[in-house]
Amino acid sequence: MLSDEFGREVTGVRVSLTDRCNFDCVYCHNEGLGDTRGPMDPQDDEMSTDDVVRFLEVAAEFDVDAVKFTGGEPMLRQDLEEIIERTPDRMEVSLTTNGTFLPGRAEALVDAGLERVNVSQDALDPKDFAEITKSGAYDRVIEGVEAALDAGLDPVKLNMVVFEHTAGYVPEMVDHVAENEGLQLQLIEYMPELTGKPEWNIDIGRVHDWLAEQADEIERREMHDRKRYWIGGGKGEGGMVEIVDPVENPTFCANCHRVRVTHEGYLKGCLNRNDDLRPMGEMTKPEIREAFRETVANRVPYYGEYMVRNGDGEWELNEKYIDDYAEV
C-alpha cells in the first residue's frame, strides 16, 4: 500500500467515467474540474473500458481495496456494467449517480458486482428539486432509489449538498431517512472555492450542532474523520446522517485516503487542486504504475499544508508548492 509523505495511505480511488450529465445542478463542480460538460453523446476523450480496468488492476497491485465510480453521470456510460464486472475482485465497488437510470439497470449492476450506491437527492419536493437540478426528473429519481433497494443495494445513501438553497430542507430529509428503512443521508458541505458563489455558503457547524441535539448516538469514521449521527435510535436502528465537511478543515484533509481519476485519464491527488494532474500516458501498466506512485508521493493535505493561515488568520497559498509543481 502506498503512502504520501504525511503518512496517509491510499486505500481508495474515485474514478470519473464521464463529464456528461443529464442534470444541470446549480452547485456542480464536476469533481473539482469546474463546468467542463459538453455534448451528451459519448466523447473521444473519455477513458475506454479497457483503460479503466487496466488502471484498477494496477491500483489493486498497491492494495487499493475500494473504487467509487462517478461523473458527470456515470450511468450514461453504457459499458458501466462491464467495467464493474471486470473490476478486480478485491475491490469494493460503489457508485454515485443522480438515480434516473437505475430503474431497469439496478439489478444488472448488482449482478455485475456493484455493492453500494449514492443517489443525489437535494429536496423532497419536485418543484424545489427542479430549481436545484434544473431537471424535472424527481419522480424518476424516487423510482431509482426504490429500484436500488429492490436490487439489494441496502442501504442507499442519499447525497444532499447543503447551501443557502437547501439548508431549510435538512430537517425534512433527516426525518425521511429516519422513517424509511434502507436509506441513509450524506450531507455535503457546499464548496464555494470550487463553485464561485460564496454568498451561497452556510455555517456547517450549525448543522452539526442541530444534529447533535437530535442524535441518539454519534460516531466518527476514519475516512476524513467524518461524523455520523444516528437519529430515531442507536447505531443500526435509527436513520444514519453523515456530514462531509471539507471546507477549511485540516482534520478532514489529514484523514483523506483517496486518489481521483478524471474521465480523461489524469490522476488527481486532491479534489480542490488541478495544478497537480498527472497523465497516465498511453495507459500501459508500467506508465500507470509510475504515475500512480508519483501522484501518491506528492499528495499534500489541502488545508494546513497547501493552504496555510497567515498572520491575520486567513488562508493563503503555501508558496513552496507552486515551485514544486512548476518542475513536474
C-alpha atoms as a PDB file:
ATOM      1  CA  MET A   1       0.000   0.000   0.000  1.00  0.00           C
ATOM      2  CA  LEU A   2       1.370   3.418  -0.960  1.00  0.00           C
ATOM      3  CA  SER A   3       1.579   6.329   1.474  1.00  0.00           C
ATOM      4  CA  ASP A   4       2.343  10.006   0.961  1.00  0.00           C
ATOM      5  CA  GLU A   5       4.941  11.898   2.982  1.00  0.00           C
ATOM      6  CA  PHE A   6       2.276  12.769   5.550  1.00  0.00           C
ATOM      7  CA  GLY A   7       1.678   9.113   6.327  1.00  0.00           C
ATOM      8  CA  ARG A   8      -1.695   8.939   4.571  1.00  0.00           C
ATOM      9  CA  GLU A   9      -2.174   5.535   2.949  1.00  0.00           C
ATOM     10  CA  VAL A  10      -4.175   5.422  -0.271  1.00  0.00           C
ATOM     11  CA  THR A  11      -6.901   2.835   0.241  1.00  0.00           C
ATOM     12  CA  GLY A  12      -9.469   4.011  -2.310  1.00  0.00           C
ATOM     13  CA  VAL A  13      -9.823   5.555  -5.752  1.00  0.00           C
ATOM     14  CA  ARG A  14     -12.615   7.656  -7.173  1.00  0.00           C
ATOM     15  CA  VAL A  15     -12.901   7.261 -10.943  1.00  0.00           C
ATOM     16  CA  SER A  16     -14.894   9.696 -13.081  1.00  0.00           C
ATOM     17  CA  LEU A  17     -16.191   7.870 -16.146  1.00  0.00           C
ATOM     18  CA  THR A  18     -17.589  10.919 -17.961  1.00  0.00           C
ATOM     19  CA  ASP A  19     -18.206  14.623 -17.509  1.00  0.00           C
ATOM     20  CA  ARG A  20     -21.525  14.305 -19.341  1.00  0.00           C
ATOM     21  CA  CYS A  21     -24.677  14.704 -17.248  1.00  0.00           C
ATOM     22  CA  ASN A  22     -28.420  14.869 -17.855  1.00  0.00           C
ATOM     23  CA  PHE A  23     -28.802  17.265 -14.895  1.00  0.00           C
ATOM     24  CA  ASP A  24     -27.507  20.825 -14.542  1.00  0.00           C
ATOM     25  CA  CYS A  25     -27.232  21.195 -10.765  1.00  0.00           C
ATOM     26  CA  VAL A  26     -26.520  24.759  -9.679  1.00  0.00           C
ATOM     27  CA  TYR A  27     -23.780  23.683  -7.244  1.00  0.00           C
ATOM     28  CA  CYS A  28     -21.931  21.221  -9.511  1.00  0.00           C
ATOM     29  CA  HIS A  29     -18.138  21.423  -9.612  1.00  0.00           C
ATOM     30  CA  ASN A  30     -17.601  18.182 -11.606  1.00  0.00           C
ATOM     31  CA  GLU A  31     -15.102  16.523  -9.263  1.00  0.00           C
ATOM     32  CA  GLY A  32     -13.278  19.818  -8.815  1.00  0.00           C
ATOM     33  CA  LEU A  33     -12.696  20.365 -12.532  1.00  0.00           C
ATOM     34  CA  GLY A  34     -15.405  23.007 -12.959  1.00  0.00           C
ATOM     35  CA  ASP A  35     -18.067  23.001 -15.650  1.00  0.00           C
ATOM     36  CA  THR A  36     -16.442  21.010 -18.471  1.00  0.00           C
ATOM     37  CA  ARG A  37     -19.651  19.473 -19.724  1.00  0.00           C
ATOM     38  CA  GLY A  38     -20.136  19.265 -23.462  1.00  0.00           C
ATOM     39  CA  PRO A  39     -22.329  17.211 -25.812  1.00  0.00           C
ATOM     40  CA  MET A  40     -24.325  14.341 -24.336  1.00  0.00           C
ATOM     41  CA  ASP A  41     -23.018  11.829 -26.867  1.00  0.00           C
ATOM     42  CA  PRO A  42     -20.003   9.661 -25.897  1.00  0.00           C
ATOM     43  CA  GLN A  43     -16.769  11.616 -26.273  1.00  0.00           C
ATOM     44  CA  ASP A  44     -13.382  10.528 -27.612  1.00  0.00           C
ATOM     45  CA  ASP A  45     -11.583  11.932 -24.556  1.00  0.00           C
ATOM     46  CA  GLU A  46     -13.285   9.510 -22.158  1.00  0.00           C
ATOM     47  CA  MET A  47     -11.233   6.584 -20.933  1.00  0.00           C
ATOM     48  CA  SER A  48     -12.163   3.354 -22.674  1.00  0.00           C
ATOM     49  CA  THR A  49     -13.450   0.310 -20.831  1.00  0.00           C
ATOM     50  CA  ASP A  50     -10.027  -1.303 -21.105  1.00  0.00           C
ATOM     51  CA  ASP A  51      -8.298   1.860 -19.848  1.00  0.00           C
ATOM     52  CA  VAL A  52     -10.458   1.987 -16.716  1.00  0.00           C
ATOM     53  CA  VAL A  53      -9.991  -1.706 -15.984  1.00  0.00           C
ATOM     54  CA  ARG A  54      -6.236  -1.535 -16.574  1.00  0.00           C
ATOM     55  CA  PHE A  55      -5.945   1.338 -14.097  1.00  0.00           C
ATOM     56  CA  LEU A  56      -7.971  -0.564 -11.490  1.00  0.00           C
ATOM     57  CA  GLU A  57      -5.777  -3.636 -11.924  1.00  0.00           C
ATOM     58  CA  VAL A  58      -2.712  -1.520 -11.181  1.00  0.00           C
ATOM     59  CA  ALA A  59      -4.405   0.161  -8.199  1.00  0.00           C
ATOM     60  CA  ALA A  60      -5.193  -3.310  -6.822  1.00  0.00           C
ATOM     61  CA  GLU A  61      -1.478  -4.159  -7.020  1.00  0.00           C
ATOM     62  CA  PHE A  62      -0.962  -1.396  -4.443  1.00  0.00           C
ATOM     63  CA  ASP A  63      -3.632  -2.834  -2.131  1.00  0.00           C
ATOM     64  CA  VAL A  64      -6.302  -0.266  -3.008  1.00  0.00           C
ATOM     65  CA  ASP A  65      -9.455  -2.002  -1.852  1.00  0.00           C
ATOM     66  CA  ALA A  66     -12.283   0.353  -2.869  1.00  0.00           C
ATOM     67  CA  VAL A  67     -13.395   2.162  -6.023  1.00  0.00           C
ATOM     68  CA  LYS A  68     -16.233   4.634  -6.438  1.00  0.00           C
ATOM     69  CA  PHE A  69     -17.390   5.391  -9.976  1.00  0.00           C
ATOM     70  CA  THR A  70     -18.555   8.969 -10.528  1.00  0.00           C
ATOM     71  CA  GLY A  71     -19.126  11.509 -13.277  1.00  0.00           C
ATOM     72  CA  GLY A  72     -20.817  13.630 -14.525  1.00  0.00           C
ATOM     73  CA  GLU A  73     -23.441  10.949 -14.568  1.00  0.00           C
ATOM     74  CA  PRO A  74     -21.594   7.605 -14.749  1.00  0.00           C
ATOM     75  CA  MET A  75     -24.681   5.701 -15.851  1.00  0.00           C
ATOM     76  CA  LEU A  76     -24.507   7.498 -19.189  1.00  0.00           C
ATOM     77  CA  ARG A  77     -21.720   5.015 -19.868  1.00  0.00           C
ATOM     78  CA  GLN A  78     -23.363   2.012 -21.488  1.00  0.00           C
ATOM     79  CA  ASP A  79     -20.317  -0.089 -20.592  1.00  0.00           C
ATOM     80  CA  LEU A  80     -20.721   0.561 -16.845  1.00  0.00           C
ATOM     81  CA  GLU A  81     -21.859  -2.992 -16.132  1.00  0.00           C
ATOM     82  CA  GLU A  82     -18.842  -4.378 -17.998  1.00  0.00           C
ATOM     83  CA  ILE A  83     -16.447  -2.077 -16.134  1.00  0.00           C
ATOM     84  CA  ILE A  84     -17.875  -3.176 -12.785  1.00  0.00           C
ATOM     85  CA  GLU A  85     -17.794  -6.847 -13.763  1.00  0.00           C
ATOM     86  CA  ARG A  86     -14.120  -6.543 -14.729  1.00  0.00           C
ATOM     87  CA  THR A  87     -13.117  -4.624 -11.594  1.00  0.00           C
ATOM     88  CA  PRO A  88     -10.625  -6.657  -9.501  1.00  0.00           C
ATOM     89  CA  ASP A  89     -12.427  -8.914  -7.034  1.00  0.00           C
ATOM     90  CA  ARG A  90     -10.598  -7.471  -4.024  1.00  0.00           C
ATOM     91  CA  MET A  91     -12.173  -4.026  -4.555  1.00  0.00           C
ATOM     92  CA  GLU A  92     -15.433  -2.891  -3.021  1.00  0.00           C
ATOM     93  CA  VAL A  93     -17.396  -1.204  -5.838  1.00  0.00           C
ATOM     94  CA  SER A  94     -19.679   1.766  -5.256  1.00  0.00           C
ATOM     95  CA  LEU A  95     -21.383   4.306  -7.498  1.00  0.00           C
ATOM     96  CA  THR A  96     -22.527   7.927  -7.229  1.00  0.00           C
ATOM     97  CA  THR A  97     -25.445   8.693  -9.547  1.00  0.00           C
ATOM     98  CA  ASN A  98     -28.435  11.002  -9.913  1.00  0.00           C
ATOM     99  CA  GLY A  99     -30.575   7.872  -9.995  1.00  0.00           C
ATOM    100  CA  THR A 100     -32.523   8.464 -13.186  1.00  0.00           C
ATOM    101  CA  PHE A 101     -31.089   5.415 -14.934  1.00  0.00           C
ATOM    102  CA  LEU A 102     -31.321   2.985 -12.019  1.00  0.00           C
ATOM    103  CA  PRO A 103     -34.816   1.760 -12.970  1.00  0.00           C
ATOM    104  CA  GLY A 104     -34.170  -1.072 -15.404  1.00  0.00           C
ATOM    105  CA  ARG A 105     -30.415  -1.269 -14.678  1.00  0.00           C
ATOM    106  CA  ALA A 106     -30.014  -1.600 -10.907  1.00  0.00           C
ATOM    107  CA  GLU A 107     -30.349  -5.383 -10.918  1.00  0.00           C
ATOM    108  CA  ALA A 108     -27.807  -5.793 -13.719  1.00  0.00           C
ATOM    109  CA  LEU A 109     -25.373  -3.543 -11.873  1.00  0.00           C
ATOM    110  CA  VAL A 110     -25.686  -5.663  -8.740  1.00  0.00           C
ATOM    111  CA  ASP A 111     -25.202  -8.822 -10.798  1.00  0.00           C
ATOM    112  CA  ALA A 112     -22.033  -7.252 -12.219  1.00  0.00           C
ATOM    113  CA  GLY A 113     -20.687  -6.633  -8.704  1.00  0.00           C
ATOM    114  CA  LEU A 114     -21.957  -3.228  -7.529  1.00  0.00           C
ATOM    115  CA  GLU A 115     -22.136  -3.200  -3.732  1.00  0.00           C
ATOM    116  CA  ARG A 116     -23.159   0.332  -2.731  1.00  0.00           C
ATOM    117  CA  VAL A 117     -24.823   3.339  -4.330  1.00  0.00           C
ATOM    118  CA  ASN A 118     -25.136   7.043  -3.501  1.00  0.00           C
ATOM    119  CA  VAL A 119     -28.073   8.854  -5.109  1.00  0.00           C
ATOM    120  CA  SER A 120     -28.128  12.648  -5.334  1.00  0.00           C
ATOM    121  CA  GLN A 121     -31.348  13.994  -3.845  1.00  0.00           C
ATOM    122  CA  ASP A 122     -31.356  17.556  -2.568  1.00  0.00           C
ATOM    123  CA  ALA A 123     -35.064  18.013  -1.842  1.00  0.00           C
ATOM    124  CA  LEU A 124     -38.272  16.056  -1.261  1.00  0.00           C
ATOM    125  CA  ASP A 125     -40.479  18.470  -3.185  1.00  0.00           C
ATOM    126  CA  PRO A 126     -40.486  18.177  -7.006  1.00  0.00           C
ATOM    127  CA  LYS A 127     -40.503  21.956  -7.503  1.00  0.00           C
ATOM    128  CA  ASP A 128     -37.622  22.534  -5.092  1.00  0.00           C
ATOM    129  CA  PHE A 129     -35.754  19.619  -6.668  1.00  0.00           C
ATOM    130  CA  ALA A 130     -36.212  21.106 -10.144  1.00  0.00           C
ATOM    131  CA  GLU A 131     -34.897  24.505  -9.072  1.00  0.00           C
ATOM    132  CA  ILE A 132     -31.659  22.952  -7.824  1.00  0.00           C
ATOM    133  CA  THR A 133     -31.071  20.330 -10.520  1.00  0.00           C
ATOM    134  CA  LYS A 134     -32.672  22.122 -13.492  1.00  0.00           C
ATOM    135  CA  SER A 135     -34.404  18.808 -14.134  1.00  0.00           C
ATOM    136  CA  GLY A 136     -37.964  17.567 -13.964  1.00  0.00           C
ATOM    137  CA  ALA A 137     -36.809  14.045 -13.147  1.00  0.00           C
ATOM    138  CA  TYR A 138     -37.852  13.973  -9.482  1.00  0.00           C
ATOM    139  CA  ASP A 139     -40.222  11.014  -9.881  1.00  0.00           C
ATOM    140  CA  ARG A 140     -37.612   9.105 -11.844  1.00  0.00           C
ATOM    141  CA  VAL A 141     -35.066   9.617  -9.053  1.00  0.00           C
ATOM    142  CA  ILE A 142     -37.536   8.285  -6.478  1.00  0.00           C
ATOM    143  CA  GLU A 143     -38.094   5.259  -8.737  1.00  0.00           C
ATOM    144  CA  GLY A 144     -34.328   4.847  -8.974  1.00  0.00           C
ATOM    145  CA  VAL A 145     -33.931   4.746  -5.202  1.00  0.00           C
ATOM    146  CA  GLU A 146     -36.647   2.102  -4.976  1.00  0.00           C
ATOM    147  CA  ALA A 147     -35.049   0.106  -7.788  1.00  0.00           C
ATOM    148  CA  ALA A 148     -31.713   0.169  -5.953  1.00  0.00           C
ATOM    149  CA  LEU A 149     -33.314  -1.069  -2.730  1.00  0.00           C
ATOM    150  CA  ASP A 150     -35.227  -3.787  -4.600  1.00  0.00           C
ATOM    151  CA  ALA A 151     -31.952  -4.921  -6.211  1.00  0.00           C
ATOM    152  CA  GLY A 152     -30.356  -5.358  -2.796  1.00  0.00           C
ATOM    153  CA  LEU A 153     -28.327  -2.144  -2.598  1.00  0.00           C
ATOM    154  CA  ASP A 154     -29.237  -1.597   1.028  1.00  0.00           C
ATOM    155  CA  PRO A 155     -28.576   0.928   2.454  1.00  0.00           C
ATOM    156  CA  VAL A 156     -28.949   3.543  -0.271  1.00  0.00           C
ATOM    157  CA  LYS A 157     -27.156   6.721   0.730  1.00  0.00           C
ATOM    158  CA  LEU A 158     -28.834   9.956  -0.379  1.00  0.00           C
ATOM    159  CA  ASN A 159     -26.403  12.788  -1.168  1.00  0.00           C
ATOM    160  CA  MET A 160     -27.602  16.300  -0.303  1.00  0.00           C
ATOM    161  CA  VAL A 161     -25.464  19.395  -0.821  1.00  0.00           C
ATOM    162  CA  VAL A 162     -26.136  21.870   1.985  1.00  0.00           C
ATOM    163  CA  PHE A 163     -26.104  25.533   0.979  1.00  0.00           C
ATOM    164  CA  GLU A 164     -28.408  28.539   1.066  1.00  0.00           C
ATOM    165  CA  HIS A 165     -30.994  26.953  -1.248  1.00  0.00           C
ATOM    166  CA  THR A 166     -31.253  23.627   0.598  1.00  0.00           C
ATOM    167  CA  ALA A 167     -30.439  24.281   4.272  1.00  0.00           C
ATOM    168  CA  GLY A 168     -34.134  24.593   5.123  1.00  0.00           C
ATOM    169  CA  TYR A 169     -34.809  21.128   3.719  1.00  0.00           C
ATOM    170  CA  VAL A 170     -32.407  19.342   6.080  1.00  0.00           C
ATOM    171  CA  PRO A 171     -34.887  18.524   8.912  1.00  0.00           C
ATOM    172  CA  GLU A 172     -37.379  17.026   6.461  1.00  0.00           C
ATOM    173  CA  MET A 173     -34.661  14.969   4.785  1.00  0.00           C
ATOM    174  CA  VAL A 174     -33.382  13.714   8.158  1.00  0.00           C
ATOM    175  CA  ASP A 175     -36.917  12.618   9.081  1.00  0.00           C
ATOM    176  CA  HIS A 176     -37.212  10.940   5.686  1.00  0.00           C
ATOM    177  CA  VAL A 177     -34.227   8.648   6.208  1.00  0.00           C
ATOM    178  CA  ALA A 178     -35.133   8.004   9.851  1.00  0.00           C
ATOM    179  CA  GLU A 179     -38.603   6.871   8.862  1.00  0.00           C
ATOM    180  CA  ASN A 180     -37.697   4.828   5.780  1.00  0.00           C
ATOM    181  CA  GLU A 181     -35.719   1.661   6.282  1.00  0.00           C
ATOM    182  CA  GLY A 182     -32.792   1.187   3.933  1.00  0.00           C
ATOM    183  CA  LEU A 183     -31.996   4.894   3.491  1.00  0.00           C
ATOM    184  CA  GLN A 184     -29.107   6.940   4.859  1.00  0.00           C
ATOM    185  CA  LEU A 185     -28.269  10.606   4.373  1.00  0.00           C
ATOM    186  CA  GLN A 186     -24.959  12.207   3.463  1.00  0.00           C
ATOM    187  CA  LEU A 187     -24.950  15.982   3.940  1.00  0.00           C
ATOM    188  CA  ILE A 188     -22.190  17.508   1.829  1.00  0.00           C
ATOM    189  CA  GLU A 189     -20.837  20.918   2.714  1.00  0.00           C
ATOM    190  CA  TYR A 190     -21.112  23.376  -0.152  1.00  0.00           C
ATOM    191  CA  MET A 191     -17.664  24.260  -1.514  1.00  0.00           C
ATOM    192  CA  PRO A 192     -17.594  27.927  -2.589  1.00  0.00           C
ATOM    193  CA  GLU A 193     -13.922  27.720  -3.596  1.00  0.00           C
ATOM    194  CA  LEU A 194     -14.931  25.320  -6.398  1.00  0.00           C
ATOM    195  CA  THR A 195     -18.235  26.863  -7.465  1.00  0.00           C
ATOM    196  CA  GLY A 196     -17.519  30.569  -7.263  1.00  0.00           C
ATOM    197  CA  LYS A 197     -20.613  31.679  -5.326  1.00  0.00           C
ATOM    198  CA  PRO A 198     -19.506  32.297  -1.731  1.00  0.00           C
ATOM    199  CA  GLU A 199     -22.787  34.032  -0.950  1.00  0.00           C
ATOM    200  CA  TRP A 200     -24.499  30.611  -1.030  1.00  0.00           C
ATOM    201  CA  ASN A 201     -22.349  29.272   1.775  1.00  0.00           C
ATOM    202  CA  ILE A 202     -23.746  28.483   5.238  1.00  0.00           C
ATOM    203  CA  ASP A 203     -22.146  27.674   8.571  1.00  0.00           C
ATOM    204  CA  ILE A 204     -21.972  23.858   8.525  1.00  0.00           C
ATOM    205  CA  GLY A 205     -21.178  23.940  12.247  1.00  0.00           C
ATOM    206  CA  ARG A 206     -24.792  24.896  12.922  1.00  0.00           C
ATOM    207  CA  VAL A 207     -25.925  21.744  11.109  1.00  0.00           C
ATOM    208  CA  HIS A 208     -23.556  19.669  13.243  1.00  0.00           C
ATOM    209  CA  ASP A 209     -24.937  21.301  16.403  1.00  0.00           C
ATOM    210  CA  TRP A 210     -28.540  20.679  15.384  1.00  0.00           C
ATOM    211  CA  LEU A 211     -27.887  17.049  14.535  1.00  0.00           C
ATOM    212  CA  ALA A 212     -26.060  16.526  17.832  1.00  0.00           C
ATOM    213  CA  GLU A 213     -29.209  17.657  19.624  1.00  0.00           C
ATOM    214  CA  GLN A 214     -31.350  15.195  17.655  1.00  0.00           C
ATOM    215  CA  ALA A 215     -28.992  12.226  17.715  1.00  0.00           C
ATOM    216  CA  ASP A 216     -29.279   9.119  19.858  1.00  0.00           C
ATOM    217  CA  GLU A 217     -25.691   8.192  19.055  1.00  0.00           C
ATOM    218  CA  ILE A 218     -22.701   9.885  17.415  1.00  0.00           C
ATOM    219  CA  GLU A 219     -19.656   8.177  15.904  1.00  0.00           C
ATOM    220  CA  ARG A 220     -16.693   9.061  13.707  1.00  0.00           C
ATOM    221  CA  ARG A 221     -15.448   7.401  10.540  1.00  0.00           C
ATOM    222  CA  GLU A 222     -11.765   7.024   9.804  1.00  0.00           C
ATOM    223  CA  MET A 223     -12.332   8.380   6.284  1.00  0.00           C
ATOM    224  CA  HIS A 224     -11.904  12.151   6.552  1.00  0.00           C
ATOM    225  CA  ASP A 225     -12.702  11.928  10.290  1.00  0.00           C
ATOM    226  CA  ARG A 226     -16.374  12.300   9.358  1.00  0.00           C
ATOM    227  CA  LYS A 227     -19.097  12.471  11.995  1.00  0.00           C
ATOM    228  CA  ARG A 228     -22.130  10.179  11.800  1.00  0.00           C
ATOM    229  CA  TYR A 229     -25.368  10.890  13.652  1.00  0.00           C
ATOM    230  CA  TRP A 230     -27.950   8.184  14.377  1.00  0.00           C
ATOM    231  CA  ILE A 231     -31.462   9.644  14.557  1.00  0.00           C
ATOM    232  CA  GLY A 232     -34.510   7.802  15.926  1.00  0.00           C
ATOM    233  CA  GLY A 233     -32.480   5.025  17.525  1.00  0.00           C
ATOM    234  CA  GLY A 234     -28.906   3.924  18.147  1.00  0.00           C
ATOM    235  CA  LYS A 235     -26.461   2.555  15.603  1.00  0.00           C
ATOM    236  CA  GLY A 236     -28.156   0.029  13.349  1.00  0.00           C
ATOM    237  CA  GLU A 237     -31.617   1.091  14.498  1.00  0.00           C
ATOM    238  CA  GLY A 238     -32.346   4.685  13.510  1.00  0.00           C
ATOM    239  CA  GLY A 239     -31.558   6.680  10.415  1.00  0.00           C
ATOM    240  CA  MET A 240     -27.886   7.485   9.811  1.00  0.00           C
ATOM    241  CA  VAL A 241     -26.859  11.016   8.833  1.00  0.00           C
ATOM    242  CA  GLU A 242     -23.240  11.727   7.894  1.00  0.00           C
ATOM    243  CA  ILE A 243     -21.633  15.108   7.233  1.00  0.00           C
ATOM    244  CA  VAL A 244     -18.864  15.651   4.691  1.00  0.00           C
ATOM    245  CA  ASP A 245     -17.321  18.995   5.694  1.00  0.00           C
ATOM    246  CA  PRO A 246     -14.015  19.643   3.902  1.00  0.00           C
ATOM    247  CA  VAL A 247     -14.029  23.449   3.772  1.00  0.00           C
ATOM    248  CA  GLU A 248     -11.243  24.992   5.891  1.00  0.00           C
ATOM    249  CA  ASN A 249     -10.879  21.639   7.651  1.00  0.00           C
ATOM    250  CA  PRO A 250      -7.292  20.389   8.168  1.00  0.00           C
ATOM    251  CA  THR A 251      -8.569  17.365  10.108  1.00  0.00           C
ATOM    252  CA  PHE A 252     -10.622  16.310   7.087  1.00  0.00           C
ATOM    253  CA  CYS A 253      -7.595  16.573   4.816  1.00  0.00           C
ATOM    254  CA  ALA A 254      -5.323  14.774   7.278  1.00  0.00           C
ATOM    255  CA  ASN A 255      -7.637  11.760   7.091  1.00  0.00           C
ATOM    256  CA  CYS A 256      -8.057  11.620   3.306  1.00  0.00           C
ATOM    257  CA  HIS A 257      -7.100   8.272   1.755  1.00  0.00           C
ATOM    258  CA  ARG A 258      -8.280   8.721  -1.845  1.00  0.00           C
ATOM    259  CA  VAL A 259      -6.804   9.399  -5.246  1.00  0.00           C
ATOM    260  CA  ARG A 260      -9.094  10.578  -8.031  1.00  0.00           C
ATOM    261  CA  VAL A 261      -9.027   9.875 -11.755  1.00  0.00           C
ATOM    262  CA  THR A 262     -10.574  12.264 -14.273  1.00  0.00           C
ATOM    263  CA  HIS A 263     -12.659  10.991 -17.166  1.00  0.00           C
ATOM    264  CA  GLU A 264      -9.743  11.809 -19.477  1.00  0.00           C
ATOM    265  CA  GLY A 265      -7.353   9.592 -17.533  1.00  0.00           C
ATOM    266  CA  TYR A 266      -5.495  12.107 -15.388  1.00  0.00           C
ATOM    267  CA  LEU A 267      -4.603  11.252 -11.792  1.00  0.00           C
ATOM    268  CA  LYS A 268      -5.728  13.886  -9.310  1.00  0.00           C
ATOM    269  CA  GLY A 269      -4.303  13.840  -5.801  1.00  0.00           C
ATOM    270  CA  CYS A 270      -6.751  16.337  -4.293  1.00  0.00           C
ATOM    271  CA  LEU A 271     -10.317  17.357  -5.101  1.00  0.00           C
ATOM    272  CA  ASN A 272      -9.515  21.050  -4.649  1.00  0.00           C
ATOM    273  CA  ARG A 273      -6.487  21.124  -6.941  1.00  0.00           C
ATOM    274  CA  ASN A 274      -5.957  20.962 -10.684  1.00  0.00           C
ATOM    275  CA  ASP A 275      -2.307  22.026 -10.686  1.00  0.00           C
ATOM    276  CA  ASP A 276      -1.131  18.510  -9.836  1.00  0.00           C
ATOM    277  CA  LEU A 277      -2.884  16.494 -12.557  1.00  0.00           C
ATOM    278  CA  ARG A 278      -0.745  13.669 -13.913  1.00  0.00           C
ATOM    279  CA  PRO A 279      -1.419  11.904 -17.210  1.00  0.00           C
ATOM    280  CA  MET A 280      -1.090   8.134 -17.391  1.00  0.00           C
ATOM    281  CA  GLY A 281       0.413   8.289 -20.871  1.00  0.00           C
ATOM    282  CA  GLU A 282      -0.892   5.653 -23.240  1.00  0.00           C
ATOM    283  CA  MET A 283      -2.376   3.817 -20.238  1.00  0.00           C
ATOM    284  CA  THR A 284       0.104   0.952 -20.288  1.00  0.00           C
ATOM    285  CA  LYS A 285       0.544  -0.719 -16.908  1.00  0.00           C
ATOM    286  CA  PRO A 286       4.154   0.495 -16.430  1.00  0.00           C
ATOM    287  CA  GLU A 287       3.057   4.072 -17.179  1.00  0.00           C
ATOM    288  CA  ILE A 288       0.093   3.798 -14.833  1.00  0.00           C
ATOM    289  CA  ARG A 289       2.283   2.403 -12.047  1.00  0.00           C
ATOM    290  CA  GLU A 290       4.792   5.233 -12.365  1.00  0.00           C
ATOM    291  CA  ALA A 291       2.104   7.941 -12.486  1.00  0.00           C
ATOM    292  CA  PHE A 292       0.233   6.421  -9.556  1.00  0.00           C
ATOM    293  CA  ARG A 293       3.382   6.249  -7.415  1.00  0.00           C
ATOM    294  CA  GLU A 294       4.233   9.879  -8.259  1.00  0.00           C
ATOM    295  CA  THR A 295       0.697  11.071  -7.522  1.00  0.00           C
ATOM    296  CA  VAL A 296       0.604   9.398  -4.122  1.00  0.00           C
ATOM    297  CA  ALA A 297       4.122  10.572  -3.226  1.00  0.00           C
ATOM    298  CA  ASN A 298       3.146  14.165  -3.988  1.00  0.00           C
ATOM    299  CA  ARG A 299      -0.226  14.221  -2.228  1.00  0.00           C
ATOM    300  CA  VAL A 300      -0.499  17.175   0.133  1.00  0.00           C
ATOM    301  CA  PRO A 301      -3.252  17.949   2.666  1.00  0.00           C
ATOM    302  CA  TYR A 302      -5.047  20.921   1.105  1.00  0.00           C
ATOM    303  CA  TYR A 303      -5.842  22.780   4.326  1.00  0.00           C
ATOM    304  CA  GLY A 304      -2.965  23.057   6.768  1.00  0.00           C
ATOM    305  CA  GLU A 305      -0.240  22.437   4.188  1.00  0.00           C
ATOM    306  CA  TYR A 306      -1.063  23.506   0.619  1.00  0.00           C
ATOM    307  CA  MET A 307      -3.192  26.286   2.101  1.00  0.00           C
ATOM    308  CA  VAL A 308      -1.869  27.773   5.334  1.00  0.00           C
ATOM    309  CA  ARG A 309      -3.098  30.530   7.623  1.00  0.00           C
ATOM    310  CA  ASN A 310      -1.229  33.830   7.544  1.00  0.00           C
ATOM    311  CA  GLY A 311      -0.690  36.212  10.440  1.00  0.00           C
ATOM    312  CA  ASP A 312      -4.249  37.509  10.076  1.00  0.00           C
ATOM    313  CA  GLY A 313      -5.701  34.016  10.303  1.00  0.00           C
ATOM    314  CA  GLU A 314      -6.664  33.966   6.620  1.00  0.00           C
ATOM    315  CA  TRP A 315      -5.947  31.033   4.290  1.00  0.00           C
ATOM    316  CA  GLU A 316      -3.293  31.645   1.666  1.00  0.00           C
ATOM    317  CA  LEU A 317      -1.315  29.508  -0.770  1.00  0.00           C
ATOM    318  CA  ASN A 318       1.876  27.928   0.535  1.00  0.00           C
ATOM    319  CA  GLU A 319       4.409  29.206  -1.995  1.00  0.00           C
ATOM    320  CA  LYS A 320       6.622  26.091  -1.809  1.00  0.00           C
ATOM    321  CA  TYR A 321       4.074  24.043  -3.746  1.00  0.00           C
ATOM    322  CA  ILE A 322       3.985  26.444  -6.672  1.00  0.00           C
ATOM    323  CA  ASP A 323       7.695  25.847  -7.205  1.00  0.00           C
ATOM    324  CA  ASP A 324       7.367  22.098  -6.655  1.00  0.00           C
ATOM    325  CA  TYR A 325       4.718  21.636  -9.313  1.00  0.00           C
ATOM    326  CA  ALA A 326       6.258  24.041 -11.748  1.00  0.00           C
ATOM    327  CA  GLU A 327       9.050  21.485 -12.044  1.00  0.00           C
ATOM    328  CA  VAL A 328       6.788  18.439 -12.583  1.00  0.00           C
END
